[in-house]
């Protein structure tokens, strides 16, 4: 997959203050739509790569690690899923979705190890 960075030629035409707000928002919106389409087509690995790009572009946004964790959960990647939810909980300890899914992933990880 190509790099997640923006096109430098497009940036030259936009004032510095507007680069982040308009261009990045447009790219994020387009990437989010493409991610949804990939999920709908069952192309989960490609959707995960796009979620990584969204995380890179908007590191403070909690929706992207949650999305990535939800995409990885059915694959049985419980340690990765658990760590993604844990990351969200470090930044937002009251995030009920992350809290619930963190415990589910922990339980599933324990069950996979024969402890449950």
Protein backbone atom coordinates (compact mmCIF):
# COMPACT_ATOMS: atom_id res chain seq x y z
CA UNK A 1 0.00 0.00 0.00
CA UNK A 2 1.21 3.51 -0.72
CA UNK A 3 2.32 5.89 1.98
CA UNK A 4 -0.37 7.73 3.91
CA UNK A 5 1.30 11.10 3.44
CA UNK A 6 -0.39 13.84 1.49
CA UNK A 7 0.45 14.95 -2.05
CA UNK A 8 3.05 17.79 -1.84
CA UNK A 9 1.93 19.47 -5.11
CA UNK A 10 -1.60 19.94 -3.78
CA UNK A 11 -0.25 21.50 -0.58
CA UNK A 12 1.58 24.28 -2.46
CA UNK A 13 -1.73 25.86 -3.56
CA UNK A 14 -3.27 26.03 -0.06
CA UNK A 15 -2.33 28.57 2.65
CA UNK A 16 -0.62 27.00 5.67
CA UNK A 17 -3.56 27.42 8.05
CA UNK A 18 -6.01 25.83 5.63
CA UNK A 19 -3.81 22.86 4.68
CA UNK A 20 -4.62 20.90 7.80
CA UNK A 21 -8.27 21.85 8.05
CA UNK A 22 -9.51 21.45 4.47
CA UNK A 23 -7.09 19.13 2.67
CA UNK A 24 -6.54 16.70 5.54
CA UNK A 25 -10.26 16.56 6.38
CA UNK A 26 -11.02 15.75 2.76
CA UNK A 27 -8.37 13.03 2.67
CA UNK A 28 -9.60 11.60 5.98
CA UNK A 29 -13.22 11.60 4.74
CA UNK A 30 -12.21 9.90 1.48
CA UNK A 31 -10.10 7.33 3.30
CA UNK A 32 -12.92 6.64 5.76
CA UNK A 33 -15.36 6.07 2.88
CA UNK A 34 -12.89 3.79 1.14
CA UNK A 35 -12.36 1.86 4.38
CA UNK A 36 -16.11 1.30 4.70
CA UNK A 37 -16.23 0.08 1.10
CA UNK A 38 -13.36 -2.36 1.73
CA UNK A 39 -15.14 -3.70 4.81
CA UNK A 40 -18.32 -4.13 2.78
CA UNK A 41 -16.36 -6.02 0.12
CA UNK A 42 -14.83 -8.29 2.77
CA UNK A 43 -11.31 -6.95 2.16
CA UNK A 44 -10.47 -6.75 5.85
CA UNK A 45 -6.66 -6.64 5.54
CA UNK A 46 -6.92 -3.66 3.20
CA UNK A 47 -9.38 -1.99 5.58
CA UNK A 48 -6.92 -2.56 8.45
CA UNK A 49 -4.15 -0.89 6.43
CA UNK A 50 -6.44 2.07 5.82
CA UNK A 51 -7.28 2.22 9.52
CA UNK A 52 -3.52 2.42 10.14
CA UNK A 53 -3.37 5.40 7.77
CA UNK A 54 -6.27 7.06 9.58
CA UNK A 55 -4.47 6.50 12.90
CA UNK A 56 -1.34 8.06 11.42
CA UNK A 57 -3.26 11.06 10.08
CA UNK A 58 -5.36 11.63 13.20
CA UNK A 59 -3.44 10.16 16.14
CA UNK A 60 -5.71 11.81 18.73
CA UNK A 61 -8.89 10.34 17.25
CA UNK A 62 -10.10 7.32 19.22
CA UNK A 63 -12.42 5.96 16.53
CA UNK A 64 -9.56 4.65 14.38
CA UNK A 65 -7.91 2.34 16.94
CA UNK A 66 -11.41 1.15 17.87
CA UNK A 67 -12.13 0.41 14.22
CA UNK A 68 -8.85 -1.43 13.81
CA UNK A 69 -9.51 -3.50 16.93
CA UNK A 70 -13.01 -4.40 15.74
CA UNK A 71 -11.59 -5.48 12.37
CA UNK A 72 -8.93 -7.65 14.02
CA UNK A 73 -11.23 -9.28 16.62
CA UNK A 74 -12.89 -11.86 14.33
CA UNK A 75 -9.44 -12.96 13.16
CA UNK A 76 -8.68 -14.22 16.68
CA UNK A 77 -5.86 -11.72 17.19
CA UNK A 78 -6.78 -11.23 20.84
CA UNK A 79 -3.43 -9.85 22.09
CA UNK A 80 -3.44 -7.15 19.39
CA UNK A 81 -7.12 -6.39 19.94
CA UNK A 82 -6.61 -6.18 23.68
CA UNK A 83 -3.66 -3.79 23.29
CA UNK A 84 -5.64 -1.53 20.92
CA UNK A 85 -8.53 -1.28 23.37
CA UNK A 86 -6.06 -0.72 26.21
CA UNK A 87 -4.55 2.18 24.23
CA UNK A 88 -7.99 3.76 23.89
CA UNK A 89 -8.70 3.25 27.59
CA UNK A 90 -5.45 4.99 28.57
CA UNK A 91 -6.71 8.10 26.80
CA UNK A 92 -10.40 7.70 27.67
CA UNK A 93 -10.91 5.45 30.72
CA UNK A 94 -14.70 5.88 30.50
CA UNK A 95 -15.04 4.68 26.92
CA UNK A 96 -17.64 1.96 27.42
CA UNK A 97 -17.11 0.32 24.03
CA UNK A 98 -13.37 -0.01 24.60
CA UNK A 99 -13.87 -1.17 28.19
CA UNK A 100 -16.36 -3.87 27.26
CA UNK A 101 -14.34 -5.11 24.27
CA UNK A 102 -11.11 -5.02 26.32
CA UNK A 103 -12.65 -7.44 28.82
CA UNK A 104 -14.06 -9.64 26.05
CA UNK A 105 -10.65 -9.79 24.34
CA UNK A 106 -8.97 -10.53 27.69
CA UNK A 107 -11.43 -13.34 28.35
CA UNK A 108 -10.93 -14.78 24.86
CA UNK A 109 -7.15 -14.52 25.21
CA UNK A 110 -7.33 -16.35 28.53
CA UNK A 111 -9.62 -19.00 26.99
CA UNK A 112 -7.16 -19.45 24.10
CA UNK A 113 -4.39 -20.07 26.65
CA UNK A 114 -6.48 -22.74 28.31
CA UNK A 115 -7.21 -20.67 31.40
CA UNK A 116 -10.91 -20.14 30.84
